[in-house]
């Protein structure tokens, strides 16, 4: 369980990042979405090659993979431990949950869509929290932050649960990342 002291430490790290300059990650956000789409291309080329029994699709997969690796280096600075792979999988899972949410929305199931969108956004914020050094990348910390199933309220309406680091991360990263800032 996350302690109030850990949450306070996270908030202080965030304030340090903002101190003295405005934190603008709009280019990083765009790049992270591009990386998500490259991961999607890798997945589609794999399945297409297997379904059709045609290895030419693996060449496209490899091209997309090499580009994704190059671009990830611009965001994922820490190469220690599992940060690289965890970052890739956080983006991938976020993207897939967003797509499932969109399909649920198309079917008219807004409640289910909101649940998927919330989880997608939490994973995306966890990606940024990890890569901005706002959270520890240890297994224990990631386990503690897996409190991803809060109520389906929009972020601005959601109170931060007193002992939820994930709630703190989502709310704080949501304020830091401002795609409209030029």
C-alpha atoms as a PDB file:
ATOM      1  CA  UNK A   1       0.000   0.000   0.000  1.00  0.00           C
ATOM      2  CA  UNK A   2       1.267   3.442  -0.863  1.00  0.00           C
ATOM      3  CA  UNK A   3       1.920   5.679   2.113  1.00  0.00           C
ATOM      4  CA  UNK A   4       1.169   9.389   2.413  1.00  0.00           C
ATOM      5  CA  UNK A   5       4.946   9.940   2.657  1.00  0.00           C
ATOM      6  CA  UNK A   6       5.463   8.283  -0.766  1.00  0.00           C
ATOM      7  CA  UNK A   7       2.724  10.432  -2.286  1.00  0.00           C
ATOM      8  CA  UNK A   8       4.297  13.563  -0.793  1.00  0.00           C
ATOM      9  CA  UNK A   9       7.682  12.518  -2.236  1.00  0.00           C
ATOM     10  CA  UNK A  10       6.068  12.148  -5.679  1.00  0.00           C
ATOM     11  CA  UNK A  11       4.455  15.590  -5.477  1.00  0.00           C
ATOM     12  CA  UNK A  12       7.769  17.160  -4.405  1.00  0.00           C
ATOM     13  CA  UNK A  13       9.593  15.543  -7.357  1.00  0.00           C
ATOM     14  CA  UNK A  14       6.961  16.979  -9.684  1.00  0.00           C
ATOM     15  CA  UNK A  15       7.370  20.465  -8.212  1.00  0.00           C
ATOM     16  CA  UNK A  16      11.146  20.210  -8.719  1.00  0.00           C
ATOM     17  CA  UNK A  17      10.628  19.410 -12.398  1.00  0.00           C
ATOM     18  CA  UNK A  18       8.473  22.494 -12.823  1.00  0.00           C
ATOM     19  CA  UNK A  19      10.679  24.831 -10.742  1.00  0.00           C
ATOM     20  CA  UNK A  20      12.457  27.477 -12.775  1.00  0.00           C
ATOM     21  CA  UNK A  21      10.945  26.547 -16.120  1.00  0.00           C
ATOM     22  CA  UNK A  22       7.738  25.512 -17.730  1.00  0.00           C
ATOM     23  CA  UNK A  23       7.557  21.809 -18.418  1.00  0.00           C
ATOM     24  CA  UNK A  24       6.391  21.406 -22.025  1.00  0.00           C
ATOM     25  CA  UNK A  25       6.035  17.873 -23.210  1.00  0.00           C
ATOM     26  CA  UNK A  26       3.716  18.425 -26.152  1.00  0.00           C
ATOM     27  CA  UNK A  27       6.319  17.131 -28.621  1.00  0.00           C
ATOM     28  CA  UNK A  28       6.948  14.174 -26.329  1.00  0.00           C
ATOM     29  CA  UNK A  29       3.228  13.465 -26.219  1.00  0.00           C
ATOM     30  CA  UNK A  30       3.009  13.500 -30.011  1.00  0.00           C
ATOM     31  CA  UNK A  31       6.067  11.270 -30.215  1.00  0.00           C
ATOM     32  CA  UNK A  32       4.590   8.820 -27.699  1.00  0.00           C
ATOM     33  CA  UNK A  33       1.411   8.539 -29.808  1.00  0.00           C
ATOM     34  CA  UNK A  34       3.566   7.916 -32.902  1.00  0.00           C
ATOM     35  CA  UNK A  35       5.381   5.180 -30.970  1.00  0.00           C
ATOM     36  CA  UNK A  36       2.025   3.652 -30.012  1.00  0.00           C
ATOM     37  CA  UNK A  37       1.099   3.511 -33.690  1.00  0.00           C
ATOM     38  CA  UNK A  38       4.434   1.948 -34.640  1.00  0.00           C
ATOM     39  CA  UNK A  39       3.813  -0.740 -32.020  1.00  0.00           C
ATOM     40  CA  UNK A  40       0.405  -1.270 -33.653  1.00  0.00           C
ATOM     41  CA  UNK A  41       2.048  -1.633 -37.076  1.00  0.00           C
ATOM     42  CA  UNK A  42       4.439  -4.229 -35.631  1.00  0.00           C
ATOM     43  CA  UNK A  43       1.496  -6.193 -34.231  1.00  0.00           C
ATOM     44  CA  UNK A  44      -0.529  -6.012 -37.446  1.00  0.00           C
ATOM     45  CA  UNK A  45       2.397  -7.075 -39.623  1.00  0.00           C
ATOM     46  CA  UNK A  46       3.029 -10.059 -37.354  1.00  0.00           C
ATOM     47  CA  UNK A  47      -0.575 -11.241 -37.523  1.00  0.00           C
ATOM     48  CA  UNK A  48      -0.825 -10.562 -41.258  1.00  0.00           C
ATOM     49  CA  UNK A  49       2.332 -12.568 -41.951  1.00  0.00           C
ATOM     50  CA  UNK A  50       1.012 -15.469 -39.898  1.00  0.00           C
ATOM     51  CA  UNK A  51      -2.537 -15.405 -41.279  1.00  0.00           C
ATOM     52  CA  UNK A  52      -1.347 -15.220 -44.886  1.00  0.00           C
ATOM     53  CA  UNK A  53       1.776 -17.326 -44.464  1.00  0.00           C
ATOM     54  CA  UNK A  54       3.773 -14.584 -46.172  1.00  0.00           C
ATOM     55  CA  UNK A  55       7.056 -13.483 -44.624  1.00  0.00           C
ATOM     56  CA  UNK A  56       7.273 -10.254 -46.668  1.00  0.00           C
ATOM     57  CA  UNK A  57       5.177  -8.615 -43.942  1.00  0.00           C
ATOM     58  CA  UNK A  58       7.965  -9.339 -41.465  1.00  0.00           C
ATOM     59  CA  UNK A  59      10.180  -6.897 -43.386  1.00  0.00           C
ATOM     60  CA  UNK A  60       7.645  -4.133 -42.714  1.00  0.00           C
ATOM     61  CA  UNK A  61       7.432  -5.272 -39.079  1.00  0.00           C
ATOM     62  CA  UNK A  62      11.212  -5.015 -38.749  1.00  0.00           C
ATOM     63  CA  UNK A  63      11.296  -1.558 -40.370  1.00  0.00           C
ATOM     64  CA  UNK A  64       8.584  -0.304 -37.994  1.00  0.00           C
ATOM     65  CA  UNK A  65      10.382  -1.914 -35.029  1.00  0.00           C
ATOM     66  CA  UNK A  66      13.703  -0.235 -35.830  1.00  0.00           C
ATOM     67  CA  UNK A  67      11.984   3.145 -36.183  1.00  0.00           C
ATOM     68  CA  UNK A  68      10.101   2.592 -32.915  1.00  0.00           C
ATOM     69  CA  UNK A  69      13.326   1.737 -31.076  1.00  0.00           C
ATOM     70  CA  UNK A  70      15.040   4.860 -32.431  1.00  0.00           C
ATOM     71  CA  UNK A  71      12.137   7.098 -31.410  1.00  0.00           C
ATOM     72  CA  UNK A  72      11.718   5.515 -27.976  1.00  0.00           C
ATOM     73  CA  UNK A  73      15.309   6.501 -27.157  1.00  0.00           C
ATOM     74  CA  UNK A  74      14.185  10.127 -27.338  1.00  0.00           C
ATOM     75  CA  UNK A  75      11.726   9.593 -24.476  1.00  0.00           C
ATOM     76  CA  UNK A  76      12.908   6.564 -22.508  1.00  0.00           C
ATOM     77  CA  UNK A  77      16.227   7.736 -21.099  1.00  0.00           C
ATOM     78  CA  UNK A  78      16.748   5.168 -18.363  1.00  0.00           C
ATOM     79  CA  UNK A  79      17.995   1.890 -19.721  1.00  0.00           C
ATOM     80  CA  UNK A  80      18.306   0.144 -16.375  1.00  0.00           C
ATOM     81  CA  UNK A  81      16.198  -2.826 -15.425  1.00  0.00           C
ATOM     82  CA  UNK A  82      12.868  -3.196 -17.117  1.00  0.00           C
ATOM     83  CA  UNK A  83      12.130   0.484 -17.789  1.00  0.00           C
ATOM     84  CA  UNK A  84      12.492   0.117 -21.581  1.00  0.00           C
ATOM     85  CA  UNK A  85      10.196  -2.900 -21.898  1.00  0.00           C
ATOM     86  CA  UNK A  86       7.782  -1.630 -19.282  1.00  0.00           C
ATOM     87  CA  UNK A  87       7.534   1.673 -21.153  1.00  0.00           C
ATOM     88  CA  UNK A  88       6.837  -0.097 -24.447  1.00  0.00           C
ATOM     89  CA  UNK A  89       4.161  -2.284 -22.882  1.00  0.00           C
ATOM     90  CA  UNK A  90       2.542   0.643 -21.044  1.00  0.00           C
ATOM     91  CA  UNK A  91       2.179   2.487 -24.358  1.00  0.00           C
ATOM     92  CA  UNK A  92       0.979  -0.625 -26.153  1.00  0.00           C
ATOM     93  CA  UNK A  93      -1.608  -1.497 -23.503  1.00  0.00           C
ATOM     94  CA  UNK A  94      -2.764   2.123 -23.345  1.00  0.00           C
ATOM     95  CA  UNK A  95      -3.253   2.173 -27.118  1.00  0.00           C
ATOM     96  CA  UNK A  96      -5.151  -1.125 -27.171  1.00  0.00           C
ATOM     97  CA  UNK A  97      -7.454  -0.090 -24.324  1.00  0.00           C
ATOM     98  CA  UNK A  98      -8.137   3.176 -26.155  1.00  0.00           C
ATOM     99  CA  UNK A  99      -9.094   1.198 -29.280  1.00  0.00           C
ATOM    100  CA  UNK A 100     -11.338  -1.169 -27.320  1.00  0.00           C
ATOM    101  CA  UNK A 101     -12.941   1.855 -25.645  1.00  0.00           C
ATOM    102  CA  UNK A 102     -13.584   3.439 -29.037  1.00  0.00           C
ATOM    103  CA  UNK A 103     -15.239   0.229 -30.264  1.00  0.00           C
ATOM    104  CA  UNK A 104     -17.402   0.131 -27.122  1.00  0.00           C
ATOM    105  CA  UNK A 105     -18.374   3.748 -27.738  1.00  0.00           C
ATOM    106  CA  UNK A 106     -19.317   2.904 -31.332  1.00  0.00           C
ATOM    107  CA  UNK A 107     -21.558   0.103 -30.018  1.00  0.00           C
ATOM    108  CA  UNK A 108     -23.253   2.646 -27.762  1.00  0.00           C
ATOM    109  CA  UNK A 109     -21.841   1.357 -24.468  1.00  0.00           C
ATOM    110  CA  UNK A 110     -20.552   4.605 -22.990  1.00  0.00           C
ATOM    111  CA  UNK A 111     -20.079   3.177 -19.479  1.00  0.00           C
ATOM    112  CA  UNK A 112     -17.820   0.392 -20.735  1.00  0.00           C
ATOM    113  CA  UNK A 113     -16.001   2.816 -23.069  1.00  0.00           C
ATOM    114  CA  UNK A 114     -15.309   5.199 -20.171  1.00  0.00           C
ATOM    115  CA  UNK A 115     -13.872   2.325 -18.138  1.00  0.00           C
ATOM    116  CA  UNK A 116     -11.482   1.407 -20.968  1.00  0.00           C
ATOM    117  CA  UNK A 117     -10.579   5.058 -21.573  1.00  0.00           C
ATOM    118  CA  UNK A 118      -9.837   5.590 -17.865  1.00  0.00           C
ATOM    119  CA  UNK A 119      -7.553   2.561 -17.779  1.00  0.00           C
ATOM    120  CA  UNK A 120      -5.861   3.674 -20.993  1.00  0.00           C
ATOM    121  CA  UNK A 121      -5.242   7.151 -19.588  1.00  0.00           C
ATOM    122  CA  UNK A 122      -3.927   5.751 -16.297  1.00  0.00           C
ATOM    123  CA  UNK A 123      -1.436   3.552 -18.142  1.00  0.00           C
ATOM    124  CA  UNK A 124      -0.380   6.476 -20.335  1.00  0.00           C
ATOM    125  CA  UNK A 125       0.184   8.627 -17.254  1.00  0.00           C
ATOM    126  CA  UNK A 126       2.105   5.806 -15.606  1.00  0.00           C
ATOM    127  CA  UNK A 127       4.355   5.728 -18.702  1.00  0.00           C
ATOM    128  CA  UNK A 128       5.117   9.443 -18.260  1.00  0.00           C
ATOM    129  CA  UNK A 129       5.517   9.158 -14.493  1.00  0.00           C
ATOM    130  CA  UNK A 130       8.071   6.413 -15.032  1.00  0.00           C
ATOM    131  CA  UNK A 131       9.964   8.254 -17.772  1.00  0.00           C
ATOM    132  CA  UNK A 132      10.019  11.619 -16.031  1.00  0.00           C
ATOM    133  CA  UNK A 133      11.529   9.934 -12.988  1.00  0.00           C
ATOM    134  CA  UNK A 134       8.490  10.753 -10.871  1.00  0.00           C
ATOM    135  CA  UNK A 135       8.036   7.174  -9.762  1.00  0.00           C
ATOM    136  CA  UNK A 136      10.368   4.360  -8.905  1.00  0.00           C
ATOM    137  CA  UNK A 137      10.520   1.644 -11.540  1.00  0.00           C
ATOM    138  CA  UNK A 138      10.766  -1.169  -9.005  1.00  0.00           C
ATOM    139  CA  UNK A 139       8.306  -4.025  -9.128  1.00  0.00           C
ATOM    140  CA  UNK A 140       6.953  -3.063  -5.708  1.00  0.00           C
ATOM    141  CA  UNK A 141       6.189   0.483  -6.810  1.00  0.00           C
ATOM    142  CA  UNK A 142       4.567  -0.668 -10.037  1.00  0.00           C
ATOM    143  CA  UNK A 143       2.511  -3.166  -8.049  1.00  0.00           C
ATOM    144  CA  UNK A 144       1.476  -0.396  -5.652  1.00  0.00           C
ATOM    145  CA  UNK A 145       0.392   1.793  -8.552  1.00  0.00           C
ATOM    146  CA  UNK A 146      -1.798  -0.846 -10.148  1.00  0.00           C
ATOM    147  CA  UNK A 147      -4.842   0.689  -8.476  1.00  0.00           C
ATOM    148  CA  UNK A 148      -6.250   1.332 -11.927  1.00  0.00           C
ATOM    149  CA  UNK A 149      -9.871   0.525 -11.232  1.00  0.00           C
ATOM    150  CA  UNK A 150     -11.242   3.683  -9.636  1.00  0.00           C
ATOM    151  CA  UNK A 151     -14.709   5.019 -10.295  1.00  0.00           C
ATOM    152  CA  UNK A 152     -15.510   6.016 -13.879  1.00  0.00           C
ATOM    153  CA  UNK A 153     -15.408   9.752 -13.250  1.00  0.00           C
ATOM    154  CA  UNK A 154     -13.624  12.271 -15.434  1.00  0.00           C
ATOM    155  CA  UNK A 155     -10.178  13.090 -14.044  1.00  0.00           C
ATOM    156  CA  UNK A 156     -11.079  16.629 -12.962  1.00  0.00           C
ATOM    157  CA  UNK A 157     -14.020  15.347 -10.908  1.00  0.00           C
ATOM    158  CA  UNK A 158     -12.105  12.531  -9.281  1.00  0.00           C
ATOM    159  CA  UNK A 159     -10.716  13.134  -5.821  1.00  0.00           C
ATOM    160  CA  UNK A 160      -7.267  11.690  -5.256  1.00  0.00           C
ATOM    161  CA  UNK A 161      -7.695   8.694  -2.982  1.00  0.00           C
ATOM    162  CA  UNK A 162      -5.675   9.376   0.150  1.00  0.00           C
ATOM    163  CA  UNK A 163      -3.418   6.353  -0.329  1.00  0.00           C
ATOM    164  CA  UNK A 164      -3.456   5.946  -4.110  1.00  0.00           C
ATOM    165  CA  UNK A 165      -0.235   6.805  -5.874  1.00  0.00           C
ATOM    166  CA  UNK A 166      -1.941   6.067  -9.213  1.00  0.00           C
ATOM    167  CA  UNK A 167      -4.536   8.727  -8.497  1.00  0.00           C
ATOM    168  CA  UNK A 168      -1.786  11.204  -7.690  1.00  0.00           C
ATOM    169  CA  UNK A 169       0.180  10.275 -10.806  1.00  0.00           C
ATOM    170  CA  UNK A 170      -2.828  10.613 -13.111  1.00  0.00           C
ATOM    171  CA  UNK A 171      -3.866  13.965 -11.727  1.00  0.00           C
ATOM    172  CA  UNK A 172      -0.348  15.409 -11.628  1.00  0.00           C
ATOM    173  CA  UNK A 173       0.768  14.154 -15.043  1.00  0.00           C
ATOM    174  CA  UNK A 174      -2.541  15.358 -16.469  1.00  0.00           C
ATOM    175  CA  UNK A 175      -1.625  18.877 -15.304  1.00  0.00           C
ATOM    176  CA  UNK A 176       1.994  18.664 -16.524  1.00  0.00           C
ATOM    177  CA  UNK A 177       1.220  17.320 -19.982  1.00  0.00           C
ATOM    178  CA  UNK A 178      -0.526  20.018 -21.908  1.00  0.00           C
ATOM    179  CA  UNK A 179      -0.689  19.241 -25.609  1.00  0.00           C
ATOM    180  CA  UNK A 180      -2.026  22.721 -26.328  1.00  0.00           C
ATOM    181  CA  UNK A 181       1.093  24.443 -24.985  1.00  0.00           C
ATOM    182  CA  UNK A 182       3.328  25.581 -27.865  1.00  0.00           C
END
